[in-house]
Amino acid sequence: MELVDYLVVEDVGRIVNPLTLHGQVIGSTVQGLGGAFMENLVYDANGQLLSGNLADYLIPSATDFPRIRAISLQHRPSPTNPLGVKGAGEGGIIPVGGLMANAVANALSSLGAEPNELPLSPPRVWRLANPFQGEDKHGTGTIGDQG
């Protein structure tokens, strides 16, 4: 599974520092993509965290998602402050999980897959695409990792 392209467009009011804004938009999007595809807190039956180090808990880096584009617009300045600025940059994280779940659902629509849990790790997407593989002999559960 590979993210081919991702475009973020936001109206930020007035842009004060274009380079900082661009970096924040890209960074928040990468953070959202990490949560959608990689980051997974796994606990055992006693509530003990099993993914407590960076070998088990994957966090994204810029090279994991090389094709992220960002367009920042200045169409609607904020009426609540004299500069017309709005909070900007961090908003890139908000839609990512839902967008990626919808993209996977669309890609697997012929199989009736409906992702409703993140992260969309390769094993989880495989189970969505192959719903009857990995079930125990009674069809009551899935065998495998939790990701």
N, C-alpha and C. Protein backbone atom coordinates (compact mmCIF):
# COMPACT_ATOMS: atom_id res chain seq x y z
N MET A 1 0.85 -1.16 0.00
CA MET A 1 0.00 0.00 0.00
C MET A 1 0.90 1.23 0.00
N GLU A 2 0.55 2.21 -0.83
CA GLU A 2 1.37 3.39 -0.97
C GLU A 2 0.48 4.60 -1.19
N LEU A 3 0.79 5.69 -0.51
CA LEU A 3 0.11 6.95 -0.76
C LEU A 3 0.75 7.57 -1.98
N VAL A 4 -0.03 7.75 -3.03
CA VAL A 4 0.50 8.24 -4.29
C VAL A 4 0.61 9.76 -4.31
N ASP A 5 -0.39 10.45 -3.79
CA ASP A 5 -0.40 11.91 -3.82
C ASP A 5 -1.36 12.41 -2.75
N TYR A 6 -1.06 13.54 -2.16
CA TYR A 6 -1.93 14.14 -1.15
C TYR A 6 -1.84 15.65 -1.32
N LEU A 7 -2.98 16.29 -1.44
CA LEU A 7 -3.04 17.73 -1.62
C LEU A 7 -3.83 18.35 -0.49
N VAL A 8 -3.25 19.33 0.17
CA VAL A 8 -3.91 20.09 1.23
C VAL A 8 -4.17 21.49 0.70
N VAL A 9 -5.41 21.96 0.86
CA VAL A 9 -5.75 23.33 0.49
C VAL A 9 -6.47 23.95 1.68
N GLU A 10 -6.00 25.11 2.11
CA GLU A 10 -6.67 25.78 3.23
C GLU A 10 -6.63 27.28 3.03
N ASP A 11 -7.68 27.94 3.52
CA ASP A 11 -7.74 29.39 3.51
C ASP A 11 -7.33 29.85 4.90
N VAL A 12 -6.22 30.55 4.99
CA VAL A 12 -5.65 30.91 6.29
C VAL A 12 -5.81 32.39 6.63
N GLY A 13 -6.65 33.08 5.90
CA GLY A 13 -6.77 34.51 6.17
C GLY A 13 -5.60 35.23 5.54
N ARG A 14 -4.77 35.82 6.35
CA ARG A 14 -3.57 36.50 5.86
C ARG A 14 -2.34 35.67 6.20
N ILE A 15 -1.49 35.42 5.22
CA ILE A 15 -0.27 34.66 5.44
C ILE A 15 0.82 35.62 5.91
N VAL A 16 1.35 35.36 7.10
CA VAL A 16 2.39 36.21 7.66
C VAL A 16 3.77 35.69 7.25
N ASN A 17 4.01 34.38 7.39
CA ASN A 17 5.30 33.79 7.05
C ASN A 17 5.04 32.56 6.17
N PRO A 18 5.13 32.69 4.86
CA PRO A 18 4.79 31.58 3.95
C PRO A 18 5.60 30.31 4.19
N LEU A 19 6.90 30.43 4.46
CA LEU A 19 7.72 29.23 4.64
C LEU A 19 7.34 28.48 5.92
N THR A 20 7.13 29.20 7.00
CA THR A 20 6.72 28.56 8.24
C THR A 20 5.35 27.90 8.08
N LEU A 21 4.44 28.61 7.45
CA LEU A 21 3.10 28.07 7.22
C LEU A 21 3.18 26.78 6.41
N HIS A 22 3.94 26.80 5.33
CA HIS A 22 4.07 25.62 4.47
C HIS A 22 4.64 24.44 5.26
N GLY A 23 5.66 24.69 6.05
CA GLY A 23 6.25 23.62 6.87
C GLY A 23 5.27 23.06 7.88
N GLN A 24 4.46 23.93 8.50
CA GLN A 24 3.48 23.44 9.47
C GLN A 24 2.38 22.62 8.80
N VAL A 25 1.93 23.06 7.64
CA VAL A 25 0.89 22.31 6.93
C VAL A 25 1.40 20.92 6.55
N ILE A 26 2.59 20.84 5.98
CA ILE A 26 3.17 19.56 5.58
C ILE A 26 3.41 18.70 6.83
N GLY A 27 3.97 19.29 7.87
CA GLY A 27 4.24 18.54 9.10
C GLY A 27 2.99 17.99 9.75
N SER A 28 1.92 18.78 9.82
CA SER A 28 0.69 18.28 10.43
C SER A 28 0.06 17.19 9.58
N THR A 29 0.21 17.29 8.28
CA THR A 29 -0.31 16.25 7.39
C THR A 29 0.46 14.95 7.59
N VAL A 30 1.78 15.04 7.68
CA VAL A 30 2.60 13.84 7.93
C VAL A 30 2.22 13.22 9.28
N GLN A 31 1.99 14.06 10.29
CA GLN A 31 1.57 13.54 11.59
C GLN A 31 0.23 12.81 11.46
N GLY A 32 -0.70 13.36 10.72
CA GLY A 32 -1.99 12.70 10.51
C GLY A 32 -1.85 11.40 9.74
N LEU A 33 -0.98 11.38 8.73
CA LEU A 33 -0.74 10.16 7.96
C LEU A 33 -0.08 9.09 8.83
N GLY A 34 0.80 9.51 9.73
CA GLY A 34 1.39 8.56 10.67
C GLY A 34 0.34 7.90 11.53
N GLY A 35 -0.60 8.70 12.03
CA GLY A 35 -1.69 8.14 12.82
C GLY A 35 -2.61 7.25 12.00
N ALA A 36 -2.79 7.59 10.75
CA ALA A 36 -3.69 6.80 9.89
C ALA A 36 -3.07 5.49 9.43
N PHE A 37 -1.75 5.44 9.25
CA PHE A 37 -1.13 4.26 8.67
C PHE A 37 -0.14 3.53 9.57
N MET A 38 0.48 4.21 10.53
CA MET A 38 1.63 3.62 11.21
C MET A 38 1.49 3.49 12.71
N GLU A 39 1.08 4.55 13.37
CA GLU A 39 1.13 4.60 14.82
C GLU A 39 0.03 3.73 15.43
N ASN A 40 0.40 2.88 16.37
CA ASN A 40 -0.56 1.96 16.96
C ASN A 40 -0.17 1.65 18.40
N LEU A 41 -0.98 2.07 19.35
CA LEU A 41 -0.75 1.72 20.75
C LEU A 41 -1.38 0.36 21.01
N VAL A 42 -0.56 -0.60 21.38
CA VAL A 42 -1.02 -1.97 21.62
C VAL A 42 -0.81 -2.29 23.09
N TYR A 43 -1.85 -2.82 23.73
CA TYR A 43 -1.80 -3.20 25.14
C TYR A 43 -2.09 -4.68 25.29
N ASP A 44 -1.54 -5.30 26.34
CA ASP A 44 -1.88 -6.70 26.60
C ASP A 44 -3.16 -6.74 27.46
N ALA A 45 -3.58 -7.94 27.83
CA ALA A 45 -4.83 -8.13 28.57
C ALA A 45 -4.80 -7.45 29.94
N ASN A 46 -3.61 -7.18 30.47
CA ASN A 46 -3.48 -6.52 31.78
C ASN A 46 -3.31 -5.01 31.66
N GLY A 47 -3.41 -4.49 30.46
CA GLY A 47 -3.26 -3.06 30.26
C GLY A 47 -1.83 -2.60 30.15
N GLN A 48 -0.90 -3.51 29.99
CA GLN A 48 0.51 -3.16 29.85
C GLN A 48 0.78 -2.74 28.40
N LEU A 49 1.38 -1.57 28.23
CA LEU A 49 1.71 -1.07 26.90
C LEU A 49 2.78 -1.96 26.27
N LEU A 50 2.48 -2.50 25.09
CA LEU A 50 3.41 -3.39 24.39
C LEU A 50 4.21 -2.66 23.32
N SER A 51 3.76 -1.50 22.91
CA SER A 51 4.46 -0.74 21.86
C SER A 51 5.06 0.52 22.47
N GLY A 52 5.88 0.34 23.49
CA GLY A 52 6.39 1.46 24.26
C GLY A 52 7.74 1.99 23.84
N ASN A 53 8.28 1.55 22.70
CA ASN A 53 9.54 2.11 22.22
C ASN A 53 9.45 2.35 20.72
N LEU A 54 10.41 3.04 20.18
CA LEU A 54 10.33 3.42 18.77
C LEU A 54 10.61 2.27 17.81
N ALA A 55 10.98 1.12 18.33
CA ALA A 55 11.11 -0.06 17.47
C ALA A 55 9.74 -0.67 17.22
N ASP A 56 8.83 -0.52 18.19
CA ASP A 56 7.49 -1.10 18.08
C ASP A 56 6.43 -0.06 17.69
N TYR A 57 6.64 1.18 18.08
CA TYR A 57 5.69 2.25 17.78
C TYR A 57 6.28 3.09 16.66
N LEU A 58 5.77 2.92 15.48
CA LEU A 58 6.33 3.59 14.32
C LEU A 58 5.82 5.02 14.22
N ILE A 59 6.72 5.96 14.05
CA ILE A 59 6.34 7.34 13.82
C ILE A 59 6.82 7.73 12.43
N PRO A 60 6.09 8.60 11.76
CA PRO A 60 6.45 8.93 10.38
C PRO A 60 7.61 9.90 10.29
N SER A 61 8.27 9.84 9.17
CA SER A 61 9.27 10.84 8.82
C SER A 61 8.90 11.40 7.46
N ALA A 62 9.56 12.45 7.07
CA ALA A 62 9.24 13.10 5.80
C ALA A 62 9.39 12.16 4.61
N THR A 63 10.30 11.21 4.70
CA THR A 63 10.53 10.31 3.56
C THR A 63 9.45 9.22 3.43
N ASP A 64 8.64 9.03 4.46
CA ASP A 64 7.59 8.02 4.38
C ASP A 64 6.46 8.44 3.43
N PHE A 65 6.25 9.73 3.27
CA PHE A 65 5.17 10.25 2.43
C PHE A 65 5.74 11.37 1.55
N PRO A 66 6.43 11.00 0.46
CA PRO A 66 7.17 12.00 -0.31
C PRO A 66 6.32 12.92 -1.18
N ARG A 67 5.05 12.60 -1.41
CA ARG A 67 4.25 13.40 -2.35
C ARG A 67 3.09 14.08 -1.62
N ILE A 68 3.43 15.09 -0.82
CA ILE A 68 2.42 15.91 -0.14
C ILE A 68 2.57 17.33 -0.67
N ARG A 69 1.47 17.86 -1.17
CA ARG A 69 1.48 19.23 -1.67
C ARG A 69 0.55 20.07 -0.81
N ALA A 70 0.88 21.34 -0.66
CA ALA A 70 0.06 22.24 0.14
C ALA A 70 -0.14 23.56 -0.59
N ILE A 71 -1.38 24.00 -0.61
CA ILE A 71 -1.73 25.30 -1.17
C ILE A 71 -2.43 26.09 -0.07
N SER A 72 -1.90 27.24 0.23
CA SER A 72 -2.51 28.10 1.24
C SER A 72 -3.06 29.34 0.55
N LEU A 73 -4.32 29.64 0.82
CA LEU A 73 -5.02 30.76 0.20
C LEU A 73 -5.26 31.87 1.21
N GLN A 74 -5.46 33.09 0.70
CA GLN A 74 -5.74 34.25 1.55
C GLN A 74 -7.06 34.90 1.15
N HIS A 75 -8.08 34.13 0.86
CA HIS A 75 -9.33 34.67 0.34
C HIS A 75 -10.21 35.34 1.39
N ARG A 76 -10.23 34.85 2.59
CA ARG A 76 -11.13 35.35 3.62
C ARG A 76 -10.36 35.75 4.88
N PRO A 77 -9.88 36.97 4.97
CA PRO A 77 -9.20 37.40 6.20
C PRO A 77 -10.15 37.30 7.40
N SER A 78 -9.57 37.00 8.53
CA SER A 78 -10.37 36.91 9.75
C SER A 78 -10.89 38.29 10.14
N PRO A 79 -12.19 38.39 10.46
CA PRO A 79 -12.73 39.68 10.90
C PRO A 79 -12.50 39.94 12.39
N THR A 80 -11.91 38.98 13.10
CA THR A 80 -11.81 39.10 14.56
C THR A 80 -10.49 39.69 15.04
N ASN A 81 -9.57 40.01 14.14
CA ASN A 81 -8.31 40.63 14.57
C ASN A 81 -7.83 41.58 13.48
N PRO A 82 -7.04 42.57 13.84
CA PRO A 82 -6.64 43.60 12.87
C PRO A 82 -5.74 43.09 11.74
N LEU A 83 -5.01 42.01 11.96
CA LEU A 83 -4.15 41.48 10.90
C LEU A 83 -4.90 40.59 9.91
N GLY A 84 -6.07 40.11 10.30
CA GLY A 84 -6.82 39.22 9.43
C GLY A 84 -6.30 37.80 9.41
N VAL A 85 -5.43 37.44 10.38
CA VAL A 85 -4.83 36.11 10.42
C VAL A 85 -5.77 35.12 11.09
N LYS A 86 -5.59 33.86 10.72
CA LYS A 86 -6.33 32.75 11.32
C LYS A 86 -5.31 31.72 11.80
N GLY A 87 -5.73 30.84 12.68
CA GLY A 87 -4.89 29.71 13.03
C GLY A 87 -4.64 28.90 11.77
N ALA A 88 -3.41 28.53 11.53
CA ALA A 88 -3.10 27.85 10.28
C ALA A 88 -2.02 26.82 10.51
N GLY A 89 -1.95 25.87 9.62
CA GLY A 89 -0.90 24.86 9.65
C GLY A 89 -1.33 23.59 10.32
N GLU A 90 -1.72 23.69 11.58
CA GLU A 90 -2.07 22.49 12.33
C GLU A 90 -3.35 21.83 11.81
N GLY A 91 -4.19 22.59 11.11
CA GLY A 91 -5.43 22.05 10.58
C GLY A 91 -5.24 20.92 9.59
N GLY A 92 -4.04 20.78 9.06
CA GLY A 92 -3.77 19.72 8.10
C GLY A 92 -3.96 18.32 8.66
N ILE A 93 -3.89 18.18 9.99
CA ILE A 93 -4.02 16.85 10.61
C ILE A 93 -5.48 16.39 10.70
N ILE A 94 -6.40 17.33 10.75
CA ILE A 94 -7.79 17.01 11.10
C ILE A 94 -8.45 16.01 10.17
N PRO A 95 -8.43 16.17 8.86
CA PRO A 95 -9.19 15.26 8.01
C PRO A 95 -8.49 13.96 7.62
N VAL A 96 -7.21 13.81 7.96
CA VAL A 96 -6.40 12.74 7.37
C VAL A 96 -6.96 11.34 7.64
N GLY A 97 -7.27 11.00 8.89
CA GLY A 97 -7.75 9.65 9.20
C GLY A 97 -9.00 9.28 8.42
N GLY A 98 -9.98 10.18 8.40
CA GLY A 98 -11.21 9.92 7.65
C GLY A 98 -10.99 9.83 6.16
N LEU A 99 -10.13 10.71 5.64
CA LEU A 99 -9.83 10.68 4.20
C LEU A 99 -9.18 9.36 3.79
N MET A 100 -8.22 8.91 4.59
CA MET A 100 -7.52 7.68 4.25
C MET A 100 -8.43 6.47 4.40
N ALA A 101 -9.28 6.46 5.43
CA ALA A 101 -10.24 5.35 5.59
C ALA A 101 -11.21 5.33 4.40
N ASN A 102 -11.66 6.50 3.95
CA ASN A 102 -12.54 6.54 2.78
C ASN A 102 -11.83 6.10 1.52
N ALA A 103 -10.55 6.45 1.37
CA ALA A 103 -9.79 6.01 0.19
C ALA A 103 -9.66 4.49 0.17
N VAL A 104 -9.37 3.90 1.33
CA VAL A 104 -9.26 2.43 1.40
C VAL A 104 -10.63 1.80 1.13
N ALA A 105 -11.68 2.37 1.71
CA ALA A 105 -13.04 1.84 1.47
C ALA A 105 -13.37 1.91 -0.02
N ASN A 106 -13.01 3.00 -0.68
CA ASN A 106 -13.27 3.13 -2.11
C ASN A 106 -12.47 2.10 -2.90
N ALA A 107 -11.20 1.94 -2.54
CA ALA A 107 -10.36 0.98 -3.26
C ALA A 107 -10.86 -0.45 -3.10
N LEU A 108 -11.45 -0.76 -1.95
CA LEU A 108 -11.92 -2.12 -1.66
C LEU A 108 -13.44 -2.24 -1.70
N SER A 109 -14.10 -1.29 -2.35
CA SER A 109 -15.57 -1.26 -2.36
C SER A 109 -16.18 -2.51 -2.98
N SER A 110 -15.52 -3.09 -3.96
CA SER A 110 -16.07 -4.30 -4.58
C SER A 110 -16.06 -5.48 -3.62
N LEU A 111 -15.28 -5.37 -2.54
CA LEU A 111 -15.22 -6.42 -1.52
C LEU A 111 -16.11 -6.11 -0.32
N GLY A 112 -16.74 -4.93 -0.34
CA GLY A 112 -17.59 -4.54 0.77
C GLY A 112 -16.83 -4.12 2.01
N ALA A 113 -15.56 -3.79 1.88
CA ALA A 113 -14.74 -3.40 3.03
C ALA A 113 -15.16 -2.03 3.54
N GLU A 114 -15.27 -1.93 4.86
CA GLU A 114 -15.61 -0.66 5.50
C GLU A 114 -14.67 -0.44 6.68
N PRO A 115 -13.52 0.18 6.44
CA PRO A 115 -12.57 0.41 7.54
C PRO A 115 -13.20 1.33 8.59
N ASN A 116 -13.08 0.93 9.85
CA ASN A 116 -13.62 1.75 10.93
C ASN A 116 -12.65 1.84 12.10
N GLU A 117 -11.39 1.56 11.83
CA GLU A 117 -10.38 1.57 12.88
C GLU A 117 -9.03 1.93 12.28
N LEU A 118 -8.30 2.75 12.99
CA LEU A 118 -6.94 3.12 12.58
C LEU A 118 -5.96 2.46 13.53
N PRO A 119 -4.75 2.22 13.11
CA PRO A 119 -4.17 2.58 11.83
C PRO A 119 -4.56 1.59 10.74
N LEU A 120 -4.48 2.05 9.53
CA LEU A 120 -4.72 1.21 8.36
C LEU A 120 -3.40 0.56 7.97
N SER A 121 -2.90 -0.26 8.86
CA SER A 121 -1.62 -0.95 8.63
C SER A 121 -1.80 -1.99 7.53
N PRO A 122 -0.70 -2.43 6.92
CA PRO A 122 -0.82 -3.47 5.89
C PRO A 122 -1.58 -4.72 6.38
N PRO A 123 -1.32 -5.25 7.59
CA PRO A 123 -2.10 -6.42 8.01
C PRO A 123 -3.60 -6.12 8.15
N ARG A 124 -3.95 -4.94 8.62
CA ARG A 124 -5.36 -4.60 8.79
C ARG A 124 -6.04 -4.45 7.43
N VAL A 125 -5.38 -3.81 6.47
CA VAL A 125 -5.95 -3.66 5.13
C VAL A 125 -6.06 -5.02 4.46
N TRP A 126 -5.08 -5.89 4.69
CA TRP A 126 -5.15 -7.25 4.14
C TRP A 126 -6.39 -7.98 4.67
N ARG A 127 -6.64 -7.83 5.97
CA ARG A 127 -7.82 -8.48 6.55
C ARG A 127 -9.12 -7.90 5.99
N LEU A 128 -9.13 -6.59 5.70
CA LEU A 128 -10.31 -5.98 5.08
C LEU A 128 -10.54 -6.54 3.68
N ALA A 129 -9.43 -6.76 2.95
CA ALA A 129 -9.53 -7.27 1.59
C ALA A 129 -9.80 -8.77 1.54
N ASN A 130 -9.47 -9.47 2.60
CA ASN A 130 -9.62 -10.92 2.68
C ASN A 130 -10.35 -11.27 3.98
N PRO A 131 -11.62 -10.94 4.09
CA PRO A 131 -12.32 -11.03 5.38
C PRO A 131 -12.44 -12.43 5.95
N PHE A 132 -12.32 -13.46 5.16
CA PHE A 132 -12.52 -14.81 5.68
C PHE A 132 -11.22 -15.54 5.95
N GLN A 133 -10.08 -14.92 5.61
CA GLN A 133 -8.79 -15.52 5.95
C GLN A 133 -8.42 -15.11 7.36
N GLY A 134 -7.85 -16.00 8.12
CA GLY A 134 -7.42 -15.67 9.46
C GLY A 134 -8.46 -15.89 10.53
N GLU A 135 -9.66 -16.32 10.16
CA GLU A 135 -10.66 -16.62 11.17
C GLU A 135 -10.39 -17.98 11.77
N ASP A 136 -10.74 -18.15 13.02
CA ASP A 136 -10.59 -19.47 13.62
C ASP A 136 -11.65 -20.41 13.06
N LYS A 137 -11.61 -21.66 13.44
CA LYS A 137 -12.49 -22.65 12.81
C LYS A 137 -13.97 -22.39 13.09
N HIS A 138 -14.28 -21.56 14.10
CA HIS A 138 -15.68 -21.26 14.41
C HIS A 138 -16.13 -19.94 13.79
N GLY A 139 -15.17 -19.24 13.11
CA GLY A 139 -15.52 -17.98 12.49
C GLY A 139 -15.78 -16.87 13.49
N THR A 140 -15.20 -16.98 14.68
CA THR A 140 -15.53 -16.01 15.73
C THR A 140 -14.46 -14.95 15.94
N GLY A 141 -13.33 -15.05 15.30
CA GLY A 141 -12.31 -14.03 15.55
C GLY A 141 -11.23 -14.07 14.52
N THR A 142 -10.37 -13.08 14.58
CA THR A 142 -9.27 -12.98 13.64
C THR A 142 -7.98 -13.31 14.35
N ILE A 143 -7.18 -14.10 13.70
CA ILE A 143 -5.87 -14.48 14.24
C ILE A 143 -4.85 -13.53 13.63
N GLY A 144 -3.94 -13.05 14.42
CA GLY A 144 -2.89 -12.19 13.89
C GLY A 144 -2.64 -11.02 14.79
N ASP A 145 -1.84 -10.05 14.27
CA ASP A 145 -1.49 -8.91 15.10
C ASP A 145 -2.68 -7.96 15.24
N GLN A 146 -2.50 -6.96 16.04
CA GLN A 146 -3.58 -6.02 16.30
C GLN A 146 -3.51 -4.80 15.41
N GLY A 147 -2.58 -4.77 14.47
CA GLY A 147 -2.39 -3.56 13.65
C GLY A 147 -3.00 -3.63 12.36
